[in-house]
Protein backbone atom coordinates (compact mmCIF):
# COMPACT_ATOMS: atom_id res chain seq x y z
CA GLN A 1 -54.78 74.81 57.71
CA VAL A 2 -55.12 73.29 54.08
CA GLN A 3 -52.14 73.85 51.83
CA LEU A 4 -51.67 72.58 48.18
CA ASP A 5 -48.00 72.13 46.81
CA GLU A 6 -47.73 71.70 42.75
CA SER A 7 -44.55 69.70 41.34
CA GLU A 8 -42.53 72.44 38.90
CA GLY A 9 -44.37 73.18 35.44
CA GLY A 10 -41.76 73.43 32.68
CA LEU A 11 -40.81 74.16 29.15
CA VAL A 12 -41.88 71.60 26.16
CA GLN A 13 -42.36 71.69 22.53
CA ALA A 14 -45.68 71.75 20.59
CA GLY A 15 -47.50 68.29 20.72
CA GLY A 16 -45.36 67.41 23.75
CA SER A 17 -46.53 66.14 26.89
CA LEU A 18 -46.24 66.91 30.47
CA ARG A 19 -48.21 65.73 33.63
CA LEU A 20 -48.07 68.08 37.24
CA SER A 21 -49.17 66.98 40.01
CA CYS A 22 -50.89 68.59 43.56
CA VAL A 23 -50.18 67.53 47.08
CA ALA A 24 -52.13 68.56 49.83
CA SER A 25 -51.85 68.71 53.33
CA GLY A 26 -54.11 69.93 56.09
CA GLY A 27 -56.70 68.41 55.46
CA THR A 28 -59.21 66.05 54.49
CA PHE A 29 -58.10 65.41 50.65
CA SER A 30 -60.41 62.53 50.01
CA SER A 31 -63.83 64.83 50.76
CA PHE A 32 -61.96 68.14 48.45
CA PHE A 33 -63.48 68.86 45.03
CA MET A 34 -60.45 69.58 43.13
CA GLY A 35 -60.01 71.85 39.93
CA TRP A 36 -57.20 73.00 37.70
CA PHE A 37 -56.85 76.23 36.76
CA ARG A 38 -55.01 78.59 34.50
CA GLN A 39 -53.57 81.89 34.03
CA ALA A 40 -52.29 83.22 30.71
CA PRO A 41 -49.87 86.58 30.94
CA GLY A 42 -52.83 89.68 30.61
CA LYS A 43 -55.91 87.09 31.19
CA GLU A 44 -58.33 86.24 33.20
CA ARG A 45 -57.52 83.05 35.25
CA GLU A 46 -59.86 80.34 33.83
CA PHE A 47 -61.07 77.10 34.54
CA VAL A 48 -59.30 73.82 33.14
CA ALA A 49 -60.44 70.41 34.51
CA ALA A 50 -62.13 69.31 37.73
CA ILE A 51 -62.45 66.20 39.75
CA THR A 52 -65.22 64.97 42.16
CA PRO A 53 -63.80 63.71 45.60
CA SER A 54 -64.30 60.32 45.24
CA GLY A 55 -62.14 60.47 41.18
CA ARG A 56 -65.56 59.04 39.77
CA SER A 57 -66.77 62.14 37.67
CA THR A 58 -64.16 64.74 35.91
CA TYR A 59 -64.56 68.08 33.97
CA TYR A 60 -62.92 70.09 31.87
CA THR A 61 -63.12 73.21 29.35
CA ASP A 62 -63.33 72.86 26.10
CA SER A 63 -60.33 74.29 24.90
CA VAL A 64 -58.75 70.62 26.57
CA LYS A 65 -60.97 68.18 26.20
CA GLY A 66 -59.07 64.85 24.61
CA ARG A 67 -55.51 66.57 24.99
CA PHE A 68 -55.82 66.90 29.11
CA THR A 69 -57.13 64.21 31.98
CA ILE A 70 -57.24 65.28 35.80
CA SER A 71 -56.92 62.19 38.32
CA ARG A 72 -56.69 61.80 41.72
CA ASP A 73 -55.26 59.63 44.67
CA ASN A 74 -56.52 59.91 47.36
CA ALA A 75 -54.22 57.95 49.35
CA LYS A 76 -51.81 60.13 48.52
CA ASN A 77 -53.55 63.23 48.90
CA THR A 78 -52.77 64.12 45.44
CA VAL A 79 -54.25 65.43 42.02
CA TYR A 80 -52.88 65.49 38.56
CA LEU A 81 -53.17 67.26 35.44
CA GLU A 82 -51.73 65.25 32.81
CA MET A 83 -51.70 67.29 29.71
CA ASP A 84 -51.28 65.70 26.31
CA SER A 85 -50.18 67.56 22.20
CA LEU A 86 -49.88 70.77 23.92
CA GLU A 87 -50.14 73.30 22.34
CA PRO A 88 -48.50 77.78 22.70
CA GLU A 89 -52.14 78.39 23.55
CA ASP A 90 -51.99 76.28 26.41
CA THR A 91 -48.47 78.56 28.07
CA ALA A 92 -49.91 79.60 31.41
CA VAL A 93 -49.92 79.82 34.88
CA TYR A 94 -51.08 76.59 36.04
CA TYR A 95 -52.62 76.54 39.64
CA CYS A 96 -54.15 73.50 41.80
CA ALA A 97 -57.65 74.09 44.15
CA GLY A 98 -59.87 72.65 46.66
CA GLN A 99 -63.54 73.07 47.50
CA LYS A 100 -64.65 71.90 50.98
CA TYR A 101 -67.97 72.09 49.18
CA LEU A 102 -69.30 71.35 46.07
CA GLY A 103 -70.58 74.79 44.30
CA ARG A 104 -69.90 75.79 40.45
CA TYR A 105 -66.54 73.50 39.78
CA TYR A 106 -65.71 76.05 36.83
CA LEU A 107 -65.81 79.23 39.12
CA LYS A 108 -62.69 80.57 40.88
CA GLU A 109 -64.42 81.75 43.41
CA GLU A 110 -65.70 79.17 44.61
CA TYR A 111 -62.96 77.26 45.43
CA ASP A 112 -61.52 78.00 49.62
CA TYR A 113 -57.92 76.66 48.80
CA TRP A 114 -54.70 77.53 46.37
CA GLY A 115 -51.60 76.38 45.40
CA GLN A 116 -48.82 78.84 44.67
CA GLY A 117 -48.88 78.05 41.00
CA THR A 118 -46.82 76.53 38.08
CA GLN A 119 -45.06 78.03 35.22
CA VAL A 120 -46.40 75.86 32.20
CA THR A 121 -44.73 76.95 28.76
CA VAL A 122 -45.10 75.22 25.25
CA SER A 123 -42.79 76.24 22.18
CA SER A 124 -43.89 76.16 18.94
């Protein structure tokens, strides 16, 4: 049974930074394709970023390119999302997710495991 545990999010002013982490247990983390999604009130859960098992390739939605960085440490079974230059539009519940087999990284339906979600609020 794979479990994903996200760090606490927080409240940050616009222009500020925040780093989320997600620790995996119960599976072979180094073989998982990992992603971050977010869901704002009244909206669908949307793709934010993804990273291959080796960490060599990363993918981002356009709205966060140049501001967010996804990374992983397979020795620590942890994936990170570094968020810089935060904007009020980034306010959402953020979820980490894992895929056993590489599918379409931007589709939430293709992820097998999910964290519980953590709130990130950006004030203007």
